[in-house]
C-alpha cells in the first residue's frame, strides 16, 4: 500500500517509511498504522491517523469522529 498525505508544514524534508503489519493476527480491533504522534508506527506531519482492522463475522467497530473532517474507506 502506498499512501501520499500532504504535510501540514511547507518545505518539509520528504521521508520514506516502511513497516510490516498484519491485522489478521489480532482481529476485531483498530490497528494504528500512521499518525502525528511519536507512538504511531509510521510518523506523518499531518493531523490525521491511518488505521486498519480485520473483522470476523458478527463483529463491528465504532469510528471516533472527533475531528472536523473524517473519512472512512
PDB file of N, CA and C in Angstrom:
ATOM      1  N   UNK A   1       0.852  -1.170   0.000  1.00  0.00           N
ATOM      2  CA  UNK A   1       0.000   0.000   0.000  1.00  0.00           C
ATOM      3  C   UNK A   1       0.896   1.230   0.000  1.00  0.00           C
ATOM      4  N   UNK A   2       0.628   2.131  -0.907  1.00  0.00           N
ATOM      5  CA  UNK A   2       1.377   3.384  -0.964  1.00  0.00           C
ATOM      6  C   UNK A   2       0.388   4.518  -0.760  1.00  0.00           C
ATOM      7  N   UNK A   3       0.685   5.395   0.187  1.00  0.00           N
ATOM      8  CA  UNK A   3      -0.215   6.497   0.533  1.00  0.00           C
ATOM      9  C   UNK A   3       0.578   7.798   0.512  1.00  0.00           C
ATOM     10  N   UNK A   4      -0.002   8.814  -0.095  1.00  0.00           N
ATOM     11  CA  UNK A   4       0.593  10.153  -0.095  1.00  0.00           C
ATOM     12  C   UNK A   4      -0.323  11.057   0.714  1.00  0.00           C
ATOM     13  N   UNK A   5       0.221  11.702   1.743  1.00  0.00           N
ATOM     14  CA  UNK A   5      -0.537  12.627   2.585  1.00  0.00           C
ATOM     15  C   UNK A   5       0.191  13.963   2.557  1.00  0.00           C
ATOM     16  N   UNK A   6      -0.536  15.014   2.239  1.00  0.00           N
ATOM     17  CA  UNK A   6       0.060  16.352   2.190  1.00  0.00           C
ATOM     18  C   UNK A   6       0.426  16.775   3.612  1.00  0.00           C
ATOM     19  N   UNK A   7       1.683  17.163   3.861  1.00  0.00           N
ATOM     20  CA  UNK A   7       2.099  17.541   5.214  1.00  0.00           C
ATOM     21  C   UNK A   7       1.489  18.870   5.641  1.00  0.00           C
ATOM     22  N   UNK A   8       1.475  19.086   6.944  1.00  0.00           N
ATOM     23  CA  UNK A   8       0.907  20.325   7.480  1.00  0.00           C
ATOM     24  C   UNK A   8       1.940  21.446   7.577  1.00  0.00           C
ATOM     25  N   UNK A   9       3.133  21.227   7.045  1.00  0.00           N
ATOM     26  CA  UNK A   9       4.159  22.276   7.016  1.00  0.00           C
ATOM     27  C   UNK A   9       4.777  22.338   5.624  1.00  0.00           C
ATOM     28  N   UNK A  10       5.157  23.536   5.226  1.00  0.00           N
ATOM     29  CA  UNK A  10       5.744  23.728   3.896  1.00  0.00           C
ATOM     30  C   UNK A  10       7.235  23.418   3.912  1.00  0.00           C
ATOM     31  N   UNK A  11       7.715  22.959   2.771  1.00  0.00           N
ATOM     32  CA  UNK A  11       9.143  22.712   2.551  1.00  0.00           C
ATOM     33  C   UNK A  11       9.751  21.711   3.540  1.00  0.00           C
ATOM     34  N   UNK A  12       8.939  20.810   4.040  1.00  0.00           N
ATOM     35  CA  UNK A  12       9.457  19.772   4.941  1.00  0.00           C
ATOM     36  C   UNK A  12      10.244  18.747   4.124  1.00  0.00           C
ATOM     37  N   UNK A  13      11.255  18.199   4.722  1.00  0.00           N
ATOM     38  CA  UNK A  13      12.067  17.174   4.069  1.00  0.00           C
ATOM     39  C   UNK A  13      11.210  15.922   3.859  1.00  0.00           C
ATOM     40  N   UNK A  14      11.105  15.438   2.622  1.00  0.00           N
ATOM     41  CA  UNK A  14      10.319  14.227   2.385  1.00  0.00           C
ATOM     42  C   UNK A  14      10.958  13.026   3.093  1.00  0.00           C
ATOM     43  N   UNK A  15      10.133  12.057   3.446  1.00  0.00           N
ATOM     44  CA  UNK A  15      10.688  10.854   4.052  1.00  0.00           C
ATOM     45  C   UNK A  15       9.955   9.623   3.551  1.00  0.00           C
ATOM     46  N   UNK A  16      10.575   8.497   3.758  1.00  0.00           N
ATOM     47  CA  UNK A  16      10.035   7.213   3.342  1.00  0.00           C
ATOM     48  C   UNK A  16      10.070   6.300   4.554  1.00  0.00           C
ATOM     49  N   UNK A  17       8.955   5.620   4.805  1.00  0.00           N
ATOM     50  CA  UNK A  17       8.889   4.692   5.926  1.00  0.00           C
ATOM     51  C   UNK A  17       8.241   3.401   5.448  1.00  0.00           C
ATOM     52  N   UNK A  18       8.614   2.330   6.084  1.00  0.00           N
ATOM     53  CA  UNK A  18       8.059   1.037   5.704  1.00  0.00           C
ATOM     54  C   UNK A  18       7.892   0.203   6.969  1.00  0.00           C
ATOM     55  N   UNK A  19       6.729  -0.442   7.112  1.00  0.00           N
ATOM     56  CA  UNK A  19       6.500  -1.327   8.249  1.00  0.00           C
ATOM     57  C   UNK A  19       5.857  -2.615   7.752  1.00  0.00           C
ATOM     58  N   UNK A  20       5.910  -3.626   8.580  1.00  0.00           N
ATOM     59  CA  UNK A  20       5.231  -4.880   8.306  1.00  0.00           C
ATOM     60  C   UNK A  20       4.143  -5.033   9.362  1.00  0.00           C
ATOM     61  N   UNK A  21       2.893  -5.002   8.946  1.00  0.00           N
ATOM     62  CA  UNK A  21       1.766  -5.047   9.868  1.00  0.00           C
ATOM     63  C   UNK A  21       0.749  -6.047   9.343  1.00  0.00           C
ATOM     64  N   UNK A  22       0.301  -6.951  10.185  1.00  0.00           N
ATOM     65  CA  UNK A  22      -0.703  -7.935   9.785  1.00  0.00           C
ATOM     66  C   UNK A  22      -1.852  -7.921  10.789  1.00  0.00           C
ATOM     67  N   UNK A  23      -2.911  -7.111  10.543  1.00  0.00           N
ATOM     68  CA  UNK A  23      -4.024  -7.020  11.481  1.00  0.00           C
ATOM     69  C   UNK A  23      -4.803  -8.327  11.628  1.00  0.00           C
ATOM     70  N   UNK A  24      -4.586  -9.283  10.727  1.00  0.00           N
ATOM     71  CA  UNK A  24      -5.275 -10.578  10.844  1.00  0.00           C
ATOM     72  C   UNK A  24      -4.819 -11.337  12.087  1.00  0.00           C
ATOM     73  N   UNK A  25      -3.625 -11.040  12.570  1.00  0.00           N
ATOM     74  CA  UNK A  25      -3.114 -11.726  13.757  1.00  0.00           C
ATOM     75  C   UNK A  25      -3.822 -11.281  15.030  1.00  0.00           C
ATOM     76  N   UNK A  26      -4.439 -10.115  15.007  1.00  0.00           N
ATOM     77  CA  UNK A  26      -5.157  -9.571  16.170  1.00  0.00           C
ATOM     78  C   UNK A  26      -6.440  -8.911  15.656  1.00  0.00           C
ATOM     79  N   UNK A  27      -7.449  -9.730  15.272  1.00  0.00           N
ATOM     80  CA  UNK A  27      -8.645  -9.186  14.625  1.00  0.00           C
ATOM     81  C   UNK A  27      -9.574  -8.451  15.593  1.00  0.00           C
ATOM     82  N   UNK A  28     -10.567  -7.787  14.998  1.00  0.00           N
ATOM     83  CA  UNK A  28     -11.665  -7.138  15.714  1.00  0.00           C
ATOM     84  C   UNK A  28     -11.231  -5.933  16.539  1.00  0.00           C
ATOM     85  N   UNK A  29     -10.161  -5.271  16.117  1.00  0.00           N
ATOM     86  CA  UNK A  29      -9.757  -4.018  16.762  1.00  0.00           C
ATOM     87  C   UNK A  29      -8.997  -3.165  15.756  1.00  0.00           C
ATOM     88  N   UNK A  30      -8.960  -1.861  16.037  1.00  0.00           N
ATOM     89  CA  UNK A  30      -8.232  -0.937  15.177  1.00  0.00           C
ATOM     90  C   UNK A  30      -6.740  -1.066  15.427  1.00  0.00           C
ATOM     91  N   UNK A  31      -5.964  -1.001  14.351  1.00  0.00           N
ATOM     92  CA  UNK A  31      -4.506  -1.007  14.430  1.00  0.00           C
ATOM     93  C   UNK A  31      -4.007   0.290  13.801  1.00  0.00           C
ATOM     94  N   UNK A  32      -3.312   1.092  14.588  1.00  0.00           N
ATOM     95  CA  UNK A  32      -2.766   2.351  14.093  1.00  0.00           C
ATOM     96  C   UNK A  32      -1.589   2.066  13.173  1.00  0.00           C
ATOM     97  N   UNK A  33      -1.643   2.612  11.975  1.00  0.00           N
ATOM     98  CA  UNK A  33      -0.561   2.463  11.008  1.00  0.00           C
ATOM     99  C   UNK A  33       0.298   3.722  10.988  1.00  0.00           C
ATOM    100  N   UNK A  34      -0.358   4.882  10.923  1.00  0.00           N
ATOM    101  CA  UNK A  34       0.372   6.150  10.832  1.00  0.00           C
ATOM    102  C   UNK A  34      -0.391   7.241  11.562  1.00  0.00           C
ATOM    103  N   UNK A  35       0.352   8.180  12.121  1.00  0.00           N
ATOM    104  CA  UNK A  35      -0.260   9.301  12.816  1.00  0.00           C
ATOM    105  C   UNK A  35       0.788  10.333  13.192  1.00  0.00           C
ATOM    106  N   UNK A  36       0.342  11.474  13.743  1.00  0.00           N
ATOM    107  CA  UNK A  36       1.266  12.550  14.072  1.00  0.00           C
ATOM    108  C   UNK A  36       2.044  12.324  15.370  1.00  0.00           C
ATOM    109  N   UNK A  37       1.591  11.410  16.199  1.00  0.00           N
ATOM    110  CA  UNK A  37       2.234  11.186  17.494  1.00  0.00           C
ATOM    111  C   UNK A  37       3.435  10.253  17.374  1.00  0.00           C
ATOM    112  N   UNK A  38       4.346  10.391  18.299  1.00  0.00           N
ATOM    113  CA  UNK A  38       5.567   9.579  18.276  1.00  0.00           C
ATOM    114  C   UNK A  38       5.286   8.094  18.479  1.00  0.00           C
ATOM    115  N   UNK A  39       4.136   7.741  19.090  1.00  0.00           N
ATOM    116  CA  UNK A  39       3.838   6.330  19.333  1.00  0.00           C
ATOM    117  C   UNK A  39       3.262   5.623  18.107  1.00  0.00           C
ATOM    118  N   UNK A  40       3.011   6.339  17.030  1.00  0.00           N
ATOM    119  CA  UNK A  40       2.495   5.721  15.803  1.00  0.00           C
ATOM    120  C   UNK A  40       3.620   4.951  15.116  1.00  0.00           C
ATOM    121  N   UNK A  41       3.324   3.768  14.568  1.00  0.00           N
ATOM    122  CA  UNK A  41       4.362   3.010  13.863  1.00  0.00           C
ATOM    123  C   UNK A  41       5.023   3.813  12.739  1.00  0.00           C
ATOM    124  N   UNK A  42       4.227   4.605  12.027  1.00  0.00           N
ATOM    125  CA  UNK A  42       4.761   5.484  10.986  1.00  0.00           C
ATOM    126  C   UNK A  42       4.351   6.910  11.337  1.00  0.00           C
ATOM    127  N   UNK A  43       5.320   7.813  11.392  1.00  0.00           N
ATOM    128  CA  UNK A  43       5.035   9.198  11.769  1.00  0.00           C
ATOM    129  C   UNK A  43       4.727  10.022  10.526  1.00  0.00           C
ATOM    130  N   UNK A  44       3.637  10.789  10.585  1.00  0.00           N
ATOM    131  CA  UNK A  44       3.296  11.699   9.491  1.00  0.00           C
ATOM    132  C   UNK A  44       3.167  13.113  10.040  1.00  0.00           C
ATOM    133  N   UNK A  45       3.454  14.087   9.190  1.00  0.00           N
ATOM    134  CA  UNK A  45       3.337  15.501   9.571  1.00  0.00           C
ATOM    135  C   UNK A  45       1.969  16.014   9.145  1.00  0.00           C
ATOM    136  N   UNK A  46       0.938  15.504   9.808  1.00  0.00           N
ATOM    137  CA  UNK A  46      -0.424  15.925   9.493  1.00  0.00           C
ATOM    138  C   UNK A  46      -1.324  15.494  10.648  1.00  0.00           C
ATOM    139  N   UNK A  47      -2.383  16.248  10.884  1.00  0.00           N
ATOM    140  CA  UNK A  47      -3.346  15.921  11.932  1.00  0.00           C
ATOM    141  C   UNK A  47      -4.294  14.848  11.389  1.00  0.00           C
ATOM    142  N   UNK A  48      -3.757  13.649  11.216  1.00  0.00           N
ATOM    143  CA  UNK A  48      -4.527  12.544  10.636  1.00  0.00           C
ATOM    144  C   UNK A  48      -4.003  11.232  11.195  1.00  0.00           C
ATOM    145  N   UNK A  49      -4.852  10.227  11.168  1.00  0.00           N
ATOM    146  CA  UNK A  49      -4.450   8.882  11.550  1.00  0.00           C
ATOM    147  C   UNK A  49      -4.889   7.917  10.464  1.00  0.00           C
ATOM    148  N   UNK A  50      -4.058   6.931  10.197  1.00  0.00           N
ATOM    149  CA  UNK A  50      -4.387   5.861   9.263  1.00  0.00           C
ATOM    150  C   UNK A  50      -4.458   4.589  10.096  1.00  0.00           C
ATOM    151  N   UNK A  51      -5.616   3.923  10.042  1.00  0.00           N
ATOM    152  CA  UNK A  51      -5.827   2.710  10.831  1.00  0.00           C
ATOM    153  C   UNK A  51      -6.355   1.604   9.935  1.00  0.00           C
ATOM    154  N   UNK A  52      -6.187   0.373  10.397  1.00  0.00           N
ATOM    155  CA  UNK A  52      -6.673  -0.792   9.666  1.00  0.00           C
ATOM    156  C   UNK A  52      -7.301  -1.756  10.663  1.00  0.00           C
ATOM    157  N   UNK A  53      -8.257  -2.546  10.185  1.00  0.00           N
ATOM    158  CA  UNK A  53      -8.882  -3.569  11.032  1.00  0.00           C
ATOM    159  C   UNK A  53      -9.346  -4.726  10.164  1.00  0.00           C
ATOM    160  N   UNK A  54      -9.316  -5.903  10.736  1.00  0.00           N
ATOM    161  CA  UNK A  54      -9.902  -7.090  10.120  1.00  0.00           C
ATOM    162  C   UNK A  54     -10.982  -7.567  11.080  1.00  0.00           C
ATOM    163  N   UNK A  55     -12.206  -7.688  10.573  1.00  0.00           N
ATOM    164  CA  UNK A  55     -13.327  -8.096  11.416  1.00  0.00           C
ATOM    165  C   UNK A  55     -13.763  -9.513  11.084  1.00  0.00           C
ATOM    166  N   UNK A  56     -13.980 -10.292  12.123  1.00  0.00           N
ATOM    167  CA  UNK A  56     -14.543 -11.624  11.939  1.00  0.00           C
ATOM    168  C   UNK A  56     -16.064 -11.489  11.884  1.00  0.00           C
ATOM    169  N   UNK A  57     -16.728 -12.490  11.341  1.00  0.00           N
ATOM    170  CA  UNK A  57     -18.187 -12.461  11.203  1.00  0.00           C
ATOM    171  C   UNK A  57     -18.859 -12.101  12.523  1.00  0.00           C
ATOM    172  N   UNK A  58     -19.816 -11.165  12.457  1.00  0.00           N
ATOM    173  CA  UNK A  58     -20.588 -10.770  13.620  1.00  0.00           C
ATOM    174  C   UNK A  58     -19.961  -9.685  14.470  1.00  0.00           C
ATOM    175  N   UNK A  59     -18.746  -9.261  14.163  1.00  0.00           N
ATOM    176  CA  UNK A  59     -18.074  -8.220  14.944  1.00  0.00           C
ATOM    177  C   UNK A  59     -18.199  -6.873  14.237  1.00  0.00           C
ATOM    178  N   UNK A  60     -18.164  -5.819  15.024  1.00  0.00           N
ATOM    179  CA  UNK A  60     -18.184  -4.463  14.472  1.00  0.00           C
ATOM    180  C   UNK A  60     -17.315  -3.563  15.332  1.00  0.00           C
ATOM    181  N   UNK A  61     -16.892  -2.455  14.751  1.00  0.00           N
ATOM    182  CA  UNK A  61     -16.079  -1.465  15.447  1.00  0.00           C
ATOM    183  C   UNK A  61     -16.718  -0.098  15.278  1.00  0.00           C
ATOM    184  N   UNK A  62     -16.546   0.748  16.271  1.00  0.00           N
ATOM    185  CA  UNK A  62     -17.015   2.123  16.144  1.00  0.00           C
ATOM    186  C   UNK A  62     -15.873   2.980  15.600  1.00  0.00           C
ATOM    187  N   UNK A  63     -16.246   4.078  14.978  1.00  0.00           N
ATOM    188  CA  UNK A  63     -15.277   5.035  14.453  1.00  0.00           C
ATOM    189  C   UNK A  63     -15.449   6.327  15.235  1.00  0.00           C
ATOM    190  N   UNK A  64     -14.397   6.745  15.934  1.00  0.00           N
ATOM    191  CA  UNK A  64     -14.442   8.012  16.664  1.00  0.00           C
ATOM    192  C   UNK A  64     -14.371   9.154  15.663  1.00  0.00           C
ATOM    193  N   UNK A  65     -15.351  10.028  15.707  1.00  0.00           N
ATOM    194  CA  UNK A  65     -15.407  11.144  14.758  1.00  0.00           C
ATOM    195  C   UNK A  65     -15.267  12.466  15.507  1.00  0.00           C
ATOM    196  N   UNK A  66     -14.177  12.607  16.226  1.00  0.00           N
ATOM    197  CA  UNK A  66     -13.946  13.830  16.993  1.00  0.00           C
ATOM    198  C   UNK A  66     -13.267  14.916  16.167  1.00  0.00           C
ATOM    199  N   UNK A  67     -12.744  14.552  15.024  1.00  0.00           N
ATOM    200  CA  UNK A  67     -12.076  15.526  14.157  1.00  0.00           C
ATOM    201  C   UNK A  67     -13.110  16.302  13.346  1.00  0.00           C
ATOM    202  N   UNK A  68     -12.685  17.417  12.784  1.00  0.00           N
ATOM    203  CA  UNK A  68     -13.560  18.230  11.948  1.00  0.00           C
ATOM    204  C   UNK A  68     -13.894  17.512  10.645  1.00  0.00           C
ATOM    205  N   UNK A  69     -12.913  16.786  10.103  1.00  0.00           N
ATOM    206  CA  UNK A  69     -13.102  16.037   8.862  1.00  0.00           C
ATOM    207  C   UNK A  69     -12.787  14.575   9.149  1.00  0.00           C
ATOM    208  N   UNK A  70     -13.666  13.678   8.725  1.00  0.00           N
ATOM    209  CA  UNK A  70     -13.464  12.245   8.929  1.00  0.00           C
ATOM    210  C   UNK A  70     -13.687  11.530   7.613  1.00  0.00           C
ATOM    211  N   UNK A  71     -12.881  10.523   7.360  1.00  0.00           N
ATOM    212  CA  UNK A  71     -13.005   9.751   6.130  1.00  0.00           C
ATOM    213  C   UNK A  71     -12.809   8.287   6.470  1.00  0.00           C
ATOM    214  N   UNK A  72     -13.761   7.462   6.067  1.00  0.00           N
ATOM    215  CA  UNK A  72     -13.670   6.020   6.288  1.00  0.00           C
ATOM    216  C   UNK A  72     -13.759   5.348   4.934  1.00  0.00           C
ATOM    217  N   UNK A  73     -12.814   4.458   4.661  1.00  0.00           N
ATOM    218  CA  UNK A  73     -12.822   3.752   3.380  1.00  0.00           C
ATOM    219  C   UNK A  73     -12.783   2.268   3.639  1.00  0.00           C
TER     220      UNK A  73
END
